[in-house]
Protein backbone atom coordinates (compact mmCIF):
# COMPACT_ATOMS: atom_id res chain seq x y z
CA MET A 1 151.48 -22.15 119.32
CA SER A 2 151.89 -19.68 116.52
CA GLY A 3 150.72 -22.23 113.97
CA SER A 4 147.50 -22.85 115.94
CA GLY A 5 146.71 -19.07 116.25
CA SER A 6 147.17 -18.63 112.57
CA ASN A 7 144.77 -21.56 111.75
CA SER A 8 142.27 -20.15 114.26
CA SER A 9 142.38 -16.73 112.53
CA GLU A 10 141.89 -18.19 109.19
CA LEU A 11 139.04 -20.25 110.49
CA ASN A 12 137.38 -17.15 111.82
CA ARG A 13 137.73 -15.27 108.51
CA THR A 14 136.44 -18.21 106.50
CA THR A 15 133.40 -18.58 109.00
CA SER A 16 132.74 -14.77 108.58
CA ALA A 17 132.79 -14.88 104.78
CA SER A 18 130.58 -17.89 104.97
CA SER A 19 128.09 -15.84 107.14
CA ASN A 20 128.15 -13.02 104.63
CA ARG A 21 127.45 -15.17 101.81
CA SER A 22 124.50 -17.04 103.38
CA LYS A 23 122.60 -14.10 104.46
CA ASN A 24 122.28 -12.78 100.93
CA ALA A 25 121.82 -16.20 99.34
CA PRO A 26 118.35 -16.99 97.64
CA GLY A 27 115.74 -17.92 100.23
CA ASN A 28 117.81 -16.58 103.14
CA ARG A 29 117.84 -12.88 102.79
CA THR A 30 118.75 -11.60 106.24
CA ASP A 31 120.63 -8.45 105.14
CA VAL A 32 118.86 -5.41 106.40
CA GLY A 33 118.89 -3.95 102.89
CA TRP A 34 116.39 -6.49 101.67
CA LYS A 35 113.70 -4.89 104.00
CA HIS A 36 113.65 -1.81 101.68
CA GLY A 37 113.94 -3.47 98.26
CA ILE A 38 112.63 -6.29 96.00
CA ASP A 39 114.68 -8.87 94.17
CA ILE A 40 113.72 -8.72 90.52
CA ASN A 41 115.27 -11.82 88.99
CA GLY A 42 115.65 -13.86 92.17
CA ASN A 43 119.43 -13.97 91.90
CA GLY A 44 119.97 -10.77 93.86
CA LYS A 45 121.67 -8.86 91.02
CA LYS A 46 118.84 -6.36 90.44
CA VAL A 47 116.94 -4.72 93.30
CA LYS A 48 113.89 -2.53 92.95
CA CYS A 49 113.70 0.41 95.57
CA SER A 50 110.54 0.22 97.62
CA TYR A 51 110.51 4.12 98.01
CA CYS A 52 111.42 5.54 94.51
CA SER A 53 110.66 2.36 92.49
CA LYS A 54 114.07 2.60 90.66
CA THR A 55 115.82 -0.59 89.76
CA MET A 56 119.42 -0.90 90.82
CA SER A 57 121.91 -3.22 89.22
CA GLY A 58 124.84 -4.46 91.30
CA GLY A 59 123.16 -6.37 94.05
CA ILE A 60 122.26 -5.37 97.59
CA PHE A 61 125.71 -3.76 98.27
CA ARG A 62 125.14 -1.03 95.56
CA PHE A 63 121.42 -0.76 96.64
CA LYS A 64 122.37 0.15 100.21
CA HIS A 65 124.62 2.93 98.72
CA HIS A 66 121.50 4.06 96.73
CA LEU A 67 119.48 4.33 100.08
CA ALA A 68 122.59 6.08 101.93
CA GLY A 69 122.96 8.60 99.21
CA THR A 70 126.69 8.22 98.97
CA ARG A 71 126.79 8.60 95.10
CA GLU A 72 129.34 5.86 95.00
CA ASP A 73 128.38 4.02 91.68
CA SER A 74 124.75 4.65 92.36
CA GLU A 75 122.12 7.37 92.11
CA PRO A 76 120.80 8.49 95.55
CA CYS A 77 117.26 7.86 96.39
CA CYS A 78 115.09 10.88 96.68
CA SER A 79 112.22 9.43 98.67
CA VAL A 80 113.95 7.41 101.34
CA PRO A 81 112.93 8.44 104.81
CA GLU A 82 115.57 10.35 106.85
CA GLU A 83 115.97 7.54 109.68
CA ILE A 84 116.42 4.90 106.95
CA ARG A 85 119.05 6.97 105.15
CA ASP A 86 121.07 7.59 108.40
CA LEU A 87 120.89 3.79 109.16
CA MET A 88 122.28 2.88 105.73
CA ILE A 89 124.99 5.51 106.02
CA LYS A 90 126.09 3.86 109.23
CA ILE A 91 125.91 0.44 107.70
CA VAL A 92 127.88 1.16 104.55
CA ALA A 93 130.52 3.08 106.46
CA GLU A 94 131.08 0.18 108.99
CA ALA A 95 131.14 -2.24 106.02
CA LYS A 96 133.81 -0.20 104.43
CA GLN A 97 135.99 -0.09 107.58
CA ALA A 98 135.63 -3.92 108.00
CA SER A 99 136.84 -4.39 104.48
CA LEU A 100 139.88 -2.25 105.07
CA LYS A 101 140.62 -4.05 108.31
CA LYS A 102 140.60 -7.33 106.48
CA ARG A 103 142.96 -6.01 103.84
CA LYS A 104 145.33 -4.71 106.56
CA LEU A 105 145.38 -8.26 108.12
CA ASN A 106 146.12 -9.88 104.87
CA ILE A 107 148.95 -7.45 104.21
CA ILE A 108 150.36 -8.04 107.78
CA ASP A 109 150.25 -11.93 107.14
CA GLU A 110 152.18 -11.56 103.78
CA ASP A 111 154.70 -9.08 105.12
CA GLN A 112 155.37 -9.12 108.98
CA GLY A 113 158.28 -6.72 108.57
CA CYS A 114 156.21 -4.01 106.97
CA GLU A 115 155.99 -0.92 109.41
CA GLY A 116 153.13 1.40 108.87
CA LEU A 117 150.36 0.90 106.32
CA GLU A 118 149.35 3.40 103.77
CA GLU A 119 145.78 2.78 102.49
CA ARG A 120 145.48 2.73 98.75
CA GLN A 121 141.82 3.21 98.36
CA HIS A 122 139.59 6.34 98.56
CA ILE A 123 137.02 6.36 101.37
CA PHE A 124 133.81 7.48 99.59
CA GLY A 125 135.77 9.86 97.47
CA PHE A 126 138.19 11.11 100.02
CA LYS A 127 142.01 10.61 99.65
CA GLY A 128 144.48 10.26 102.38
CA LYS A 129 145.41 7.88 105.27
CA GLU A 130 142.77 6.31 107.55
CA LYS A 131 143.07 4.87 110.84
CA VAL A 132 141.46 1.45 110.21
CA GLY A 133 139.40 -0.51 112.69
CA SER A 134 138.80 2.39 115.13
CA ARG A 135 135.34 3.85 115.96
CA GLY A 136 136.69 7.35 115.17
CA ALA A 137 137.43 6.36 111.64
CA VAL A 138 133.93 5.07 111.14
CA GLN A 139 132.44 8.26 112.50
CA ALA A 140 134.74 10.36 110.26
CA THR A 141 133.46 8.40 107.24
CA ILE A 142 129.96 8.88 108.23
CA ASN A 143 130.60 12.64 108.65
CA GLN A 144 132.21 12.96 105.21
CA MET A 145 129.18 11.14 103.68
CA MET A 146 126.64 13.42 105.39
CA LYS A 147 128.72 16.63 104.46
CA LYS A 148 128.74 15.53 100.76
CA GLY A 149 124.98 15.81 100.72
CA TYR A 150 124.71 19.17 102.27
CA LYS A 151 127.71 20.99 100.70
CA GLU A 152 125.74 22.48 97.79
CA GLU A 153 122.88 23.61 100.18
CA VAL A 154 125.37 25.37 102.42
CA ASP A 155 127.06 27.09 99.54
CA ALA A 156 123.79 28.23 98.19
CA GLN A 157 123.01 29.77 101.54
CA VAL A 158 126.32 31.52 101.64
CA ALA A 159 125.80 32.93 98.17
CA GLU A 160 122.27 34.06 99.04
CA PHE A 161 123.69 36.01 102.05
CA PHE A 162 126.20 37.72 99.72
CA TYR A 163 123.45 38.65 97.13
CA THR A 164 120.85 39.93 99.65
CA SER A 165 123.40 41.93 101.55
CA ALA A 166 124.93 43.48 98.37
CA ILE A 167 128.34 42.27 99.68
CA PRO A 168 131.18 42.51 97.01
CA PHE A 169 132.24 39.13 95.72
CA ASN A 170 135.95 39.75 96.56
CA VAL A 171 135.06 39.63 100.15
CA ILE A 172 135.05 35.88 99.95
CA LYS A 173 138.93 36.10 99.50
CA ASN A 174 139.26 37.75 102.76
CA PRO A 175 141.17 35.42 105.14
CA ALA A 176 139.02 36.57 107.97
CA PHE A 177 135.89 35.04 106.14
CA THR A 178 137.60 31.70 105.77
CA LYS A 179 138.66 31.65 109.50
CA MET A 180 135.09 32.62 110.44
CA CYS A 181 133.63 29.63 108.50
CA GLU A 182 136.29 27.27 110.15
CA MET A 183 135.38 28.52 113.66
CA ILE A 184 131.48 28.04 113.02
CA GLY A 185 132.35 24.54 111.76
CA LYS A 186 134.35 23.89 114.96
CA TYR A 187 131.51 25.04 117.20
CA GLY A 188 129.06 22.60 115.44
CA ALA A 189 125.33 22.69 115.36
CA GLY A 190 123.25 25.17 117.49
CA TYR A 191 125.59 28.10 116.77
CA LYS A 192 123.65 31.42 117.14
CA PRO A 193 125.17 34.51 115.52
CA PRO A 194 125.83 37.64 117.63
CA SER A 195 122.78 40.08 118.15
CA TYR A 196 122.68 43.42 116.51
CA HIS A 197 123.44 45.06 119.85
CA ASP A 198 126.47 42.77 120.46
CA ILE A 199 128.13 43.42 117.08
CA ARG A 200 127.66 47.18 117.33
CA GLU A 201 128.57 47.47 120.95
CA LYS A 202 130.40 44.78 122.97
CA LEU A 203 132.15 43.04 120.01
CA LEU A 204 133.08 46.33 118.42
CA LYS A 205 134.76 47.55 121.69
CA GLN A 206 136.70 44.15 121.85
CA ALA A 207 137.82 44.73 118.31
CA ILE A 208 138.97 48.23 119.19
CA ASP A 209 140.97 46.86 122.10
CA LYS A 210 142.44 44.20 119.98
CA THR A 211 143.60 46.89 117.41
CA ASP A 212 145.06 48.92 120.21
CA LEU A 213 147.16 45.83 121.20
CA VAL A 214 148.36 45.35 117.66
CA LEU A 215 149.14 49.02 117.39
CA GLN A 216 151.40 48.75 120.40
CA GLU A 217 153.37 46.06 118.74
CA TYR A 218 153.99 48.41 115.90
CA LYS A 219 155.10 51.14 118.18
CA GLU A 220 157.63 48.88 119.71
CA GLU A 221 159.05 48.28 116.28
CA TRP A 222 159.15 52.05 115.56
CA LYS A 223 161.55 52.33 118.54
CA LYS A 224 163.86 49.72 116.88
CA THR A 225 163.74 50.65 113.05
CA GLY A 226 162.35 54.17 112.99
CA CYS A 227 159.37 55.13 110.90
CA THR A 228 157.94 57.46 108.32
CA ILE A 229 154.86 59.76 108.81
CA MET A 230 152.70 60.15 105.76
CA SER A 231 149.93 62.68 105.11
CA ASP A 232 147.20 62.19 102.48
CA GLY A 233 144.71 65.05 101.77
CA TRP A 234 141.39 64.44 99.95
CA THR A 235 137.96 65.78 99.48
CA ASP A 236 134.88 63.75 100.33
CA LYS A 237 131.33 63.65 98.78
CA LYS A 238 130.23 66.58 101.00
CA ARG A 239 133.15 68.56 99.77
CA ARG A 240 134.98 68.50 103.07
CA SER A 241 138.74 68.71 103.03
CA ILE A 242 140.08 65.64 104.92
CA CYS A 243 143.70 64.89 105.83
CA ASN A 244 144.74 61.29 106.88
CA PHE A 245 147.85 60.58 108.79
CA LEU A 246 149.56 57.23 108.51
CA VAL A 247 152.92 55.76 109.75
CA ASN A 248 155.06 53.46 107.75
CA SER A 249 157.86 51.04 108.94
CA PRO A 250 159.39 47.72 107.98
CA LYS A 251 156.60 46.08 109.77
CA GLY A 252 153.87 47.75 107.70
CA THR A 253 151.68 50.78 107.44
CA VAL A 254 149.03 51.79 110.07
CA PHE A 255 146.44 54.48 110.02
CA MET A 256 146.77 57.00 112.90
CA TYR A 257 143.81 59.39 112.58
CA SER A 258 141.85 61.74 110.24
CA LEU A 259 141.64 65.52 110.50
CA ASP A 260 138.78 67.67 109.07
CA THR A 261 140.85 70.60 107.62
CA SER A 262 137.88 72.47 105.99
CA ASP A 263 138.02 75.38 108.42
CA ILE A 264 141.77 75.42 108.59
CA SER A 265 143.43 77.80 106.22
CA LYS A 266 146.58 76.04 104.39
CA THR A 267 149.06 78.63 105.61
CA ALA A 268 152.61 77.42 106.47
CA ASP A 269 152.06 77.99 110.20
CA LYS A 270 148.78 76.03 110.31
CA VAL A 271 150.14 73.00 108.30
CA PHE A 272 153.24 72.99 110.41
CA LYS A 273 151.10 72.82 113.48
CA MET A 274 149.26 69.81 112.13
CA LEU A 275 152.55 67.95 111.30
CA ASP A 276 154.07 68.90 114.48
CA ASP A 277 151.24 67.43 116.43
CA VAL A 278 151.48 63.95 114.68
CA VAL A 279 155.19 63.95 115.30
CA GLU A 280 154.61 64.55 118.98
CA LEU A 281 152.04 61.67 119.04
CA VAL A 282 154.37 59.13 117.43
CA GLY A 283 157.47 60.33 119.32
CA GLU A 284 160.11 62.50 117.76
CA GLU A 285 162.84 59.92 118.50
CA ASN A 286 161.01 57.23 116.24
CA VAL A 287 160.51 59.51 113.29
CA VAL A 288 162.96 59.51 110.39
CA GLN A 289 161.01 61.49 107.80
CA VAL A 290 157.84 63.16 107.20
CA VAL A 291 156.15 62.92 103.76
CA THR A 292 153.56 65.48 102.55
CA ALA A 293 152.30 67.13 99.38
CA ALA A 294 154.97 69.08 97.56
CA ASN A 295 153.11 72.31 98.03
CA PHE A 296 153.76 72.03 101.88
CA LYS A 297 157.47 72.88 101.52
CA ALA A 298 157.39 75.91 103.65
CA ALA A 299 155.64 73.98 106.49
CA GLY A 300 158.22 71.17 106.04
CA GLU A 301 161.27 73.51 106.46
CA LEU A 302 159.60 74.86 109.64
CA LEU A 303 159.29 71.27 110.99
CA MET A 304 162.94 70.53 110.17
CA GLN A 305 164.12 73.71 111.89
CA LYS A 306 162.22 72.55 115.17
CA ARG A 307 162.90 68.81 114.88
CA GLU A 308 166.47 68.66 113.68
CA HIS A 309 166.79 64.87 113.73
CA LEU A 310 164.07 64.23 110.93
CA TYR A 311 163.60 65.17 107.30
CA TRP A 312 160.65 66.43 105.30
CA THR A 313 160.21 64.75 101.90
CA PRO A 314 157.66 65.75 99.14
CA CYS A 315 155.30 62.97 97.90
CA ALA A 316 156.67 61.52 94.68
CA ALA A 317 153.10 60.81 93.35
CA HIS A 318 152.11 64.59 93.89
CA CYS A 319 155.39 65.65 92.30
CA ILE A 320 154.61 63.75 89.18
CA ASP A 321 151.09 65.07 89.15
CA LEU A 322 152.45 68.54 89.22
CA ILE A 323 154.72 67.82 86.35
CA PHE A 324 151.81 66.66 84.28
CA GLU A 325 149.92 69.74 85.27
CA ASP A 326 152.77 71.82 83.99
CA PHE A 327 152.76 69.85 80.69
CA GLU A 328 149.17 70.73 80.06
CA LYS A 329 149.48 74.36 81.08
CA LYS A 330 152.83 75.31 79.51
CA LEU A 331 153.11 73.15 76.41
CA LYS A 332 150.57 74.33 73.70
CA VAL A 333 150.45 70.90 71.91
CA HIS A 334 149.60 69.12 75.21
CA GLU A 335 146.91 71.69 76.06
CA LEU A 336 145.12 71.36 72.62
CA THR A 337 145.38 67.60 72.44
CA ILE A 338 143.89 67.08 75.98
CA LYS A 339 141.14 69.58 75.28
CA LYS A 340 140.27 67.60 72.03
CA GLY A 341 140.25 64.36 73.92
CA ARG A 342 138.01 65.67 76.61
CA LYS A 343 135.65 67.03 73.92
CA ILE A 344 135.23 63.46 72.46
CA THR A 345 134.87 61.65 75.76
CA THR A 346 132.38 64.22 77.17
CA TYR A 347 130.15 64.09 74.03
CA ILE A 348 130.20 60.27 74.12
CA TYR A 349 129.71 59.61 77.77
CA GLY A 350 127.03 62.24 78.12
CA ARG A 351 124.71 60.08 75.99
CA SER A 352 123.82 56.58 76.92
CA MET A 353 123.01 55.58 73.34
CA LEU A 354 126.41 56.49 72.16
CA ILE A 355 128.12 54.59 75.03
CA SER A 356 126.15 51.53 73.81
CA MET A 357 127.30 52.14 70.28
CA LEU A 358 130.85 52.65 71.23
CA LYS A 359 131.18 49.39 73.15
CA LYS A 360 130.16 47.49 70.03
CA PHE A 361 133.18 48.72 68.31
CA THR A 362 135.71 48.74 71.25
CA LYS A 363 134.73 45.29 72.51
CA GLU A 364 133.27 46.66 75.78
CA ARG A 365 136.45 48.69 76.53
CA ASP A 366 136.02 52.26 77.85
CA LEU A 367 137.70 55.45 76.67
CA ILE A 368 138.13 56.83 80.19
CA ARG A 369 140.79 55.31 82.31
CA PRO A 370 140.64 56.79 85.90
CA GLY A 371 143.98 57.45 87.50
CA VAL A 372 145.02 58.23 91.03
CA THR A 373 145.04 62.01 90.21
CA ARG A 374 143.09 64.39 87.92
CA PHE A 375 146.12 65.03 85.51
CA ALA A 376 147.13 61.50 85.46
CA THR A 377 143.63 60.53 84.35
CA ALA A 378 143.90 63.02 81.43
CA TYR A 379 147.01 61.34 80.08
CA LEU A 380 145.73 57.81 80.66
CA THR A 381 142.55 58.70 78.70
CA LEU A 382 144.67 60.04 75.78
CA GLY A 383 146.48 56.77 75.86
CA CYS A 384 143.13 54.93 75.43
CA LEU A 385 142.01 57.14 72.70
CA HIS A 386 145.22 56.54 70.73
CA GLU A 387 144.92 52.88 71.23
CA LEU A 388 141.29 52.65 70.25
CA LYS A 389 141.72 55.22 67.33
CA ALA A 390 141.06 52.63 64.71
CA SER A 391 137.71 51.52 66.50
CA LEU A 392 136.59 55.03 66.71
CA LEU A 393 137.09 55.79 63.19
CA THR A 394 135.25 52.77 62.13
CA MET A 395 132.28 53.70 64.44
CA PHE A 396 132.30 57.39 62.94
CA SER A 397 132.28 56.04 59.38
CA PHE A 398 129.58 53.40 60.06
CA GLU A 399 126.10 53.82 58.65
CA GLU A 400 124.50 53.64 62.08
CA TRP A 401 126.39 56.76 63.14
CA LYS A 402 125.87 58.81 59.88
CA THR A 403 122.12 58.29 59.99
CA SER A 404 121.64 58.86 63.71
CA LYS A 405 120.78 62.30 65.19
CA PHE A 406 124.15 62.42 66.72
CA GLY A 407 126.11 62.02 63.51
CA THR A 408 123.85 64.61 61.74
CA SER A 409 123.97 67.29 64.37
CA GLN A 410 126.70 70.06 64.25
CA GLU A 411 128.23 69.07 67.62
CA GLY A 412 128.39 65.44 66.50
CA LYS A 413 130.18 66.47 63.24
CA LYS A 414 132.83 68.42 65.09
């Protein structure tokens, strides 16, 4: 019985191969591809496209890939109608799957004990395992081929959205952006983005509710591990004094709220009241320490007197900044050096032509290196001046500087 089945299988494959040969034989061109091309030499090896008039070598197989636009050993046709291209995509995908199915059958005949089959061929440029012989695999291949043609168009549209909306390029590294693209892809064709009203009202409220749930997880963590309250004072563009309050724990740092302190005098009692309020909000039993600017020492001591189980700690960055400030004010050599450095940078960066001249000699590097604080910036800038000293000396001895109005002026000579 098994011998008879094997012979029957072999006969079917032989008949199928014979049928494939006959439909492309001279004088009997039944392959659907011949309806869209002309046999140049009569031997089926060169086919002229009826749409773009290009001549393709490699026979009707490669010509069908030309019409489908798969870019598999052939240049895609730019004039083929959409319905013909879709038809050819389906045909070449099914042919590819049929070829893989035959290969699988041959391997099984040679090795009956082989369990699992790993395909060793790329499907139109894609690597990995394919489930051969199923309708889903054919559809997957068709989808891959279609995506290949649209990828550049989609990328260009994403880029245009970034450019016209003045969105910083590093936003594309945001994991939320990647997740958004994946979810739009899962939704499929026909997705309509949220309206202006939805994104500023309904969806914003949903995002706030979601954030509150996440914050609740952090609060549960504070009960287990304790936390640190941190205050950060700064001045905005409108010269308002703002104080941010954050809470840090092993789980991470969360922002609590901001307070406009412009109309609050920075006396010890007032600062103590601000700190005490945030401790009350977080929960005294959860707080290990409170970190503030070093000049809030008196308020910190008042807080420790009331809340005996927590500690006040001065901010290390602020302490370092105060040390730099003392260096400048109390060490004469530091004061003079910083003053000279500021004079150079102020003169150069106050004139656009000098900035352009400077960058020729410093290879586009700047003299001013902003730091987290004002006094840190002063010392970082001194470091840049020292590092680029040779470039500056070269610029000041260059003929372009000497003959310019800047080099000949009294202020420039100084």
